């Protein structure tokens, strides 16, 4: 389920980036920002979600740290633009969804298996 959600988010961000770069005027673009800063955020999110899809678990601590930095940065960016009333509906949904996906992957724990043997009393 997580892979479907990640791939769908990558596809949505790619469509939003394509529509913004080529100036396609449809009803879809009325609900998204078309500024340069939005395109940079979309590219950063596409790259971070692609890293999630291409790396296998357990990820190294440097990859998890980079994902956490991207997630916090996008969340702060989205909250600042929301407070300024300049973030559109689709941008809000896509940014927060991608930030949650990257933060969940950044907070993954390393899997350790421990076996205990019964103690004789």
N, C-alpha and C. Protein backbone atom coordinates (compact mmCIF):
# COMPACT_ATOMS: atom_id res chain seq x y z
N UNK A 1 0.82 -1.20 0.00
CA UNK A 1 0.00 0.00 0.00
C UNK A 1 0.86 1.26 0.00
N UNK A 2 1.97 1.21 0.79
CA UNK A 2 2.86 2.36 0.87
C UNK A 2 3.51 2.63 -0.48
N UNK A 3 3.86 1.57 -1.22
CA UNK A 3 4.48 1.75 -2.52
C UNK A 3 3.51 2.39 -3.51
N UNK A 4 2.26 2.00 -3.45
CA UNK A 4 1.25 2.59 -4.35
C UNK A 4 1.08 4.07 -4.03
N UNK A 5 1.04 4.39 -2.75
CA UNK A 5 0.90 5.79 -2.33
C UNK A 5 2.12 6.61 -2.75
N UNK A 6 3.31 6.03 -2.62
CA UNK A 6 4.53 6.74 -3.02
C UNK A 6 4.59 6.94 -4.52
N UNK A 7 4.28 5.92 -5.29
CA UNK A 7 4.29 6.04 -6.75
C UNK A 7 3.21 7.03 -7.22
N UNK A 8 2.05 6.99 -6.60
CA UNK A 8 0.99 7.94 -6.96
C UNK A 8 1.38 9.37 -6.65
N UNK A 9 2.07 9.58 -5.53
CA UNK A 9 2.52 10.93 -5.18
C UNK A 9 3.59 11.41 -6.15
N UNK A 10 4.50 10.53 -6.55
CA UNK A 10 5.51 10.91 -7.54
C UNK A 10 4.84 11.28 -8.85
N UNK A 11 3.85 10.49 -9.27
CA UNK A 11 3.14 10.79 -10.51
C UNK A 11 2.39 12.11 -10.46
N UNK A 12 1.74 12.37 -9.34
CA UNK A 12 1.01 13.63 -9.18
C UNK A 12 1.95 14.82 -9.20
N UNK A 13 3.07 14.71 -8.47
CA UNK A 13 4.04 15.81 -8.48
C UNK A 13 4.65 16.01 -9.86
N UNK A 14 4.87 14.92 -10.60
CA UNK A 14 5.42 15.05 -11.95
C UNK A 14 4.42 15.72 -12.89
N UNK A 15 3.16 15.39 -12.77
CA UNK A 15 2.13 16.04 -13.60
C UNK A 15 2.03 17.52 -13.25
N UNK A 16 2.09 17.83 -11.96
CA UNK A 16 2.03 19.23 -11.54
C UNK A 16 3.25 20.00 -12.06
N UNK A 17 4.42 19.38 -12.00
CA UNK A 17 5.64 20.01 -12.50
C UNK A 17 5.56 20.24 -14.00
N UNK A 18 5.10 19.23 -14.73
CA UNK A 18 4.97 19.34 -16.19
C UNK A 18 3.99 20.45 -16.57
N UNK A 19 2.85 20.50 -15.90
CA UNK A 19 1.84 21.52 -16.20
C UNK A 19 2.36 22.91 -15.87
N UNK A 20 3.13 23.03 -14.81
CA UNK A 20 3.66 24.33 -14.43
C UNK A 20 4.77 24.80 -15.37
N UNK A 21 5.64 23.87 -15.78
CA UNK A 21 6.76 24.26 -16.64
C UNK A 21 6.32 24.65 -18.04
N UNK A 22 5.33 23.96 -18.57
CA UNK A 22 4.92 24.21 -19.94
C UNK A 22 3.69 25.11 -20.05
N UNK A 23 3.24 25.67 -18.95
CA UNK A 23 2.17 26.66 -18.97
C UNK A 23 0.84 26.13 -19.47
N UNK A 24 0.53 24.90 -19.17
CA UNK A 24 -0.73 24.31 -19.59
C UNK A 24 -1.83 24.89 -18.72
N UNK A 25 -2.80 25.52 -19.32
CA UNK A 25 -3.90 26.15 -18.58
C UNK A 25 -5.13 25.25 -18.61
N UNK A 26 -5.32 24.52 -17.54
CA UNK A 26 -6.50 23.68 -17.39
C UNK A 26 -7.10 23.97 -16.03
N UNK A 27 -8.19 23.32 -15.72
CA UNK A 27 -8.80 23.48 -14.40
C UNK A 27 -7.90 22.97 -13.30
N UNK A 28 -7.07 22.01 -13.64
CA UNK A 28 -6.12 21.45 -12.67
C UNK A 28 -5.13 22.50 -12.19
N UNK A 29 -4.67 23.35 -13.09
CA UNK A 29 -3.65 24.34 -12.73
C UNK A 29 -4.20 25.52 -11.95
N UNK A 30 -5.50 25.65 -11.88
CA UNK A 30 -6.07 26.72 -11.08
C UNK A 30 -5.87 26.50 -9.59
N UNK A 31 -5.66 25.24 -9.20
CA UNK A 31 -5.51 24.89 -7.79
C UNK A 31 -4.08 24.59 -7.39
N UNK A 32 -3.11 25.04 -8.20
CA UNK A 32 -1.71 24.81 -7.86
C UNK A 32 -0.88 26.03 -8.22
N UNK A 33 0.19 26.24 -7.46
CA UNK A 33 1.09 27.35 -7.74
C UNK A 33 1.98 27.05 -8.92
N UNK A 34 2.35 28.09 -9.64
CA UNK A 34 3.19 27.89 -10.81
C UNK A 34 4.50 28.65 -10.73
N UNK A 35 4.91 29.04 -9.53
CA UNK A 35 6.14 29.77 -9.34
C UNK A 35 7.36 28.87 -9.36
N UNK A 36 8.52 29.51 -9.43
CA UNK A 36 9.79 28.77 -9.47
C UNK A 36 10.02 28.00 -8.17
N UNK A 37 9.66 28.62 -7.05
CA UNK A 37 9.87 27.95 -5.77
C UNK A 37 9.03 26.69 -5.64
N UNK A 38 7.85 26.68 -6.25
CA UNK A 38 7.02 25.47 -6.23
C UNK A 38 7.64 24.38 -7.09
N UNK A 39 8.21 24.75 -8.22
CA UNK A 39 8.85 23.77 -9.08
C UNK A 39 10.09 23.17 -8.41
N UNK A 40 10.84 23.98 -7.69
CA UNK A 40 12.01 23.48 -6.96
C UNK A 40 11.56 22.51 -5.87
N UNK A 41 10.51 22.86 -5.15
CA UNK A 41 9.98 21.97 -4.11
C UNK A 41 9.48 20.66 -4.71
N UNK A 42 8.82 20.72 -5.86
CA UNK A 42 8.33 19.50 -6.50
C UNK A 42 9.47 18.59 -6.93
N UNK A 43 10.52 19.18 -7.50
CA UNK A 43 11.68 18.38 -7.93
C UNK A 43 12.35 17.74 -6.71
N UNK A 44 12.50 18.49 -5.64
CA UNK A 44 13.12 17.94 -4.42
C UNK A 44 12.28 16.79 -3.86
N UNK A 45 10.97 16.94 -3.89
CA UNK A 45 10.10 15.87 -3.38
C UNK A 45 10.11 14.65 -4.29
N UNK A 46 10.14 14.87 -5.60
CA UNK A 46 10.21 13.73 -6.53
C UNK A 46 11.50 12.96 -6.31
N UNK A 47 12.62 13.68 -6.13
CA UNK A 47 13.90 13.01 -5.90
C UNK A 47 13.89 12.25 -4.58
N UNK A 48 13.37 12.86 -3.53
CA UNK A 48 13.36 12.18 -2.23
C UNK A 48 12.44 10.96 -2.23
N UNK A 49 11.31 11.06 -2.91
CA UNK A 49 10.43 9.89 -2.99
C UNK A 49 11.02 8.81 -3.88
N UNK A 50 11.77 9.20 -4.92
CA UNK A 50 12.45 8.21 -5.75
C UNK A 50 13.54 7.50 -4.96
N UNK A 51 14.22 8.22 -4.08
CA UNK A 51 15.23 7.59 -3.22
C UNK A 51 14.57 6.56 -2.32
N UNK A 52 13.40 6.88 -1.81
CA UNK A 52 12.68 5.92 -0.97
C UNK A 52 12.35 4.66 -1.77
N UNK A 53 11.93 4.82 -3.01
CA UNK A 53 11.55 3.67 -3.81
C UNK A 53 12.77 2.84 -4.24
N UNK A 54 13.92 3.49 -4.45
CA UNK A 54 15.08 2.79 -5.00
C UNK A 54 15.99 2.17 -3.94
N UNK A 55 15.95 2.65 -2.72
CA UNK A 55 16.79 2.07 -1.68
C UNK A 55 16.01 1.03 -0.90
N UNK A 56 16.73 0.04 -0.45
CA UNK A 56 16.06 -1.02 0.29
C UNK A 56 16.26 -0.82 1.79
N UNK A 57 15.39 -1.41 2.55
CA UNK A 57 15.45 -1.32 4.00
C UNK A 57 16.47 -2.30 4.53
N UNK A 58 17.12 -2.08 5.57
CA UNK A 58 17.24 -0.86 6.35
C UNK A 58 18.17 0.12 5.66
N UNK A 59 17.77 1.37 5.64
CA UNK A 59 18.56 2.41 5.00
C UNK A 59 19.64 2.90 5.94
N UNK A 60 20.69 3.47 5.36
CA UNK A 60 21.77 3.99 6.19
C UNK A 60 21.30 5.24 6.94
N UNK A 61 22.03 5.57 7.96
CA UNK A 61 21.63 6.73 8.77
C UNK A 61 21.78 8.03 7.99
N UNK A 62 22.70 8.09 7.03
CA UNK A 62 22.85 9.32 6.24
C UNK A 62 21.67 9.52 5.30
N UNK A 63 21.15 8.46 4.73
CA UNK A 63 19.95 8.56 3.87
C UNK A 63 18.75 8.96 4.70
N UNK A 64 18.61 8.37 5.87
CA UNK A 64 17.49 8.74 6.74
C UNK A 64 17.59 10.17 7.22
N UNK A 65 18.80 10.63 7.50
CA UNK A 65 18.99 12.04 7.91
C UNK A 65 18.63 12.98 6.78
N UNK A 66 19.04 12.65 5.55
CA UNK A 66 18.71 13.49 4.39
C UNK A 66 17.20 13.53 4.16
N UNK A 67 16.53 12.40 4.31
CA UNK A 67 15.08 12.37 4.17
C UNK A 67 14.39 13.21 5.25
N UNK A 68 14.92 13.17 6.45
CA UNK A 68 14.35 13.97 7.53
C UNK A 68 14.53 15.46 7.26
N UNK A 69 15.69 15.85 6.74
CA UNK A 69 15.94 17.26 6.41
C UNK A 69 14.99 17.73 5.31
N UNK A 70 14.81 16.91 4.28
CA UNK A 70 13.89 17.27 3.20
C UNK A 70 12.47 17.38 3.72
N UNK A 71 12.07 16.44 4.55
CA UNK A 71 10.71 16.45 5.09
C UNK A 71 10.45 17.68 5.95
N UNK A 72 11.37 18.00 6.84
CA UNK A 72 11.19 19.17 7.70
C UNK A 72 11.23 20.45 6.86
N UNK A 73 12.12 20.51 5.88
CA UNK A 73 12.20 21.69 5.02
C UNK A 73 10.93 21.93 4.22
N UNK A 74 10.38 20.88 3.66
CA UNK A 74 9.14 21.02 2.89
C UNK A 74 7.97 21.36 3.80
N UNK A 75 7.94 20.80 4.99
CA UNK A 75 6.87 21.12 5.93
C UNK A 75 6.93 22.59 6.34
N UNK A 76 8.12 23.08 6.65
CA UNK A 76 8.28 24.49 7.02
C UNK A 76 7.91 25.39 5.84
N UNK A 77 8.35 25.02 4.63
CA UNK A 77 8.01 25.78 3.42
C UNK A 77 6.50 25.83 3.22
N UNK A 78 5.84 24.69 3.37
CA UNK A 78 4.38 24.65 3.18
C UNK A 78 3.65 25.44 4.26
N UNK A 79 4.12 25.34 5.51
CA UNK A 79 3.47 26.11 6.57
C UNK A 79 3.66 27.61 6.39
N UNK A 80 4.85 28.04 5.96
CA UNK A 80 5.08 29.46 5.72
C UNK A 80 4.20 29.99 4.60
N UNK A 81 4.08 29.23 3.51
CA UNK A 81 3.24 29.68 2.40
C UNK A 81 1.75 29.61 2.76
N UNK A 82 1.37 28.66 3.59
CA UNK A 82 -0.02 28.59 4.03
C UNK A 82 -0.36 29.79 4.91
N UNK A 83 0.55 30.16 5.79
CA UNK A 83 0.32 31.33 6.65
C UNK A 83 0.27 32.62 5.85
N UNK A 84 0.96 32.63 4.70
CA UNK A 84 0.99 33.81 3.83
C UNK A 84 -0.17 33.80 2.83
N UNK A 85 -1.01 32.78 2.88
CA UNK A 85 -2.15 32.60 1.97
C UNK A 85 -1.72 32.52 0.50
N UNK A 86 -0.55 31.96 0.23
CA UNK A 86 -0.11 31.86 -1.16
C UNK A 86 0.08 30.42 -1.61
N UNK A 87 -0.36 29.46 -0.81
CA UNK A 87 -0.25 28.06 -1.19
C UNK A 87 -1.61 27.57 -1.66
N UNK A 88 -1.65 26.99 -2.82
CA UNK A 88 -2.90 26.51 -3.41
C UNK A 88 -3.27 25.14 -2.83
N UNK A 89 -4.47 24.68 -3.13
CA UNK A 89 -5.01 23.46 -2.54
C UNK A 89 -4.20 22.22 -2.90
N UNK A 90 -3.93 22.00 -4.19
CA UNK A 90 -3.20 20.80 -4.61
C UNK A 90 -1.77 20.81 -4.09
N UNK A 91 -1.17 21.99 -4.02
CA UNK A 91 0.18 22.07 -3.47
C UNK A 91 0.18 21.68 -1.99
N UNK A 92 -0.78 22.17 -1.25
CA UNK A 92 -0.87 21.84 0.17
C UNK A 92 -0.98 20.34 0.37
N UNK A 93 -1.89 19.71 -0.34
CA UNK A 93 -2.10 18.27 -0.19
C UNK A 93 -0.88 17.48 -0.61
N UNK A 94 -0.29 17.83 -1.75
CA UNK A 94 0.87 17.08 -2.25
C UNK A 94 2.09 17.27 -1.36
N UNK A 95 2.35 18.49 -0.90
CA UNK A 95 3.52 18.74 -0.07
C UNK A 95 3.42 18.03 1.27
N UNK A 96 2.26 18.13 1.91
CA UNK A 96 2.13 17.49 3.21
C UNK A 96 2.13 15.97 3.10
N UNK A 97 1.55 15.42 2.05
CA UNK A 97 1.59 13.97 1.85
C UNK A 97 3.01 13.49 1.63
N UNK A 98 3.75 14.18 0.78
CA UNK A 98 5.13 13.79 0.53
C UNK A 98 5.99 13.98 1.78
N UNK A 99 5.73 15.01 2.55
CA UNK A 99 6.49 15.23 3.78
C UNK A 99 6.21 14.12 4.79
N UNK A 100 4.97 13.68 4.89
CA UNK A 100 4.64 12.59 5.81
C UNK A 100 5.29 11.28 5.34
N UNK A 101 5.25 11.01 4.04
CA UNK A 101 5.88 9.79 3.52
C UNK A 101 7.38 9.77 3.79
N UNK A 102 8.05 10.89 3.54
CA UNK A 102 9.49 10.92 3.76
C UNK A 102 9.83 10.87 5.25
N UNK A 103 9.03 11.48 6.10
CA UNK A 103 9.33 11.44 7.52
C UNK A 103 9.10 10.05 8.10
N UNK A 104 8.10 9.35 7.63
CA UNK A 104 7.87 7.98 8.09
C UNK A 104 9.07 7.10 7.74
N UNK A 105 9.59 7.29 6.53
CA UNK A 105 10.76 6.51 6.13
C UNK A 105 12.02 6.96 6.87
N UNK A 106 12.12 8.22 7.20
CA UNK A 106 13.28 8.71 7.93
C UNK A 106 13.28 8.21 9.37
N UNK A 107 12.12 7.97 9.93
CA UNK A 107 12.02 7.53 11.32
C UNK A 107 11.98 6.01 11.47
N UNK A 108 12.26 5.29 10.40
CA UNK A 108 12.23 3.83 10.49
C UNK A 108 13.29 3.35 11.47
N UNK A 109 13.00 2.27 12.11
CA UNK A 109 13.96 1.71 13.06
C UNK A 109 14.68 0.55 12.40
N UNK A 110 15.88 0.32 12.84
CA UNK A 110 16.62 -0.81 12.32
C UNK A 110 16.06 -2.08 12.94
N UNK A 111 15.85 -3.06 12.09
CA UNK A 111 15.25 -4.29 12.56
C UNK A 111 16.32 -5.16 13.22
N UNK A 112 16.07 -5.50 14.44
CA UNK A 112 16.97 -6.42 15.15
C UNK A 112 16.14 -7.57 15.69
N UNK A 113 16.69 -8.72 15.60
CA UNK A 113 16.00 -9.92 16.07
C UNK A 113 16.77 -10.43 17.28
N UNK A 114 16.08 -10.58 18.36
CA UNK A 114 16.72 -11.12 19.57
C UNK A 114 15.95 -12.35 20.00
N UNK A 115 16.71 -13.33 20.35
CA UNK A 115 16.12 -14.56 20.85
C UNK A 115 16.49 -14.69 22.32
N UNK A 116 15.52 -15.04 23.11
CA UNK A 116 15.80 -15.25 24.53
C UNK A 116 15.56 -16.71 24.85
N UNK A 117 16.39 -17.21 25.70
CA UNK A 117 16.21 -18.59 26.12
C UNK A 117 15.62 -18.58 27.53
N UNK A 118 14.80 -19.53 27.83
CA UNK A 118 14.20 -19.57 29.16
C UNK A 118 15.28 -19.80 30.22
N UNK A 119 15.16 -19.10 31.31
CA UNK A 119 16.10 -19.22 32.42
C UNK A 119 15.58 -20.23 33.43
N UNK A 120 16.49 -21.05 33.92
CA UNK A 120 16.11 -21.99 34.96
C UNK A 120 16.26 -21.29 36.30
N UNK A 121 15.25 -21.45 37.14
CA UNK A 121 15.27 -20.81 38.44
C UNK A 121 15.65 -21.77 39.51
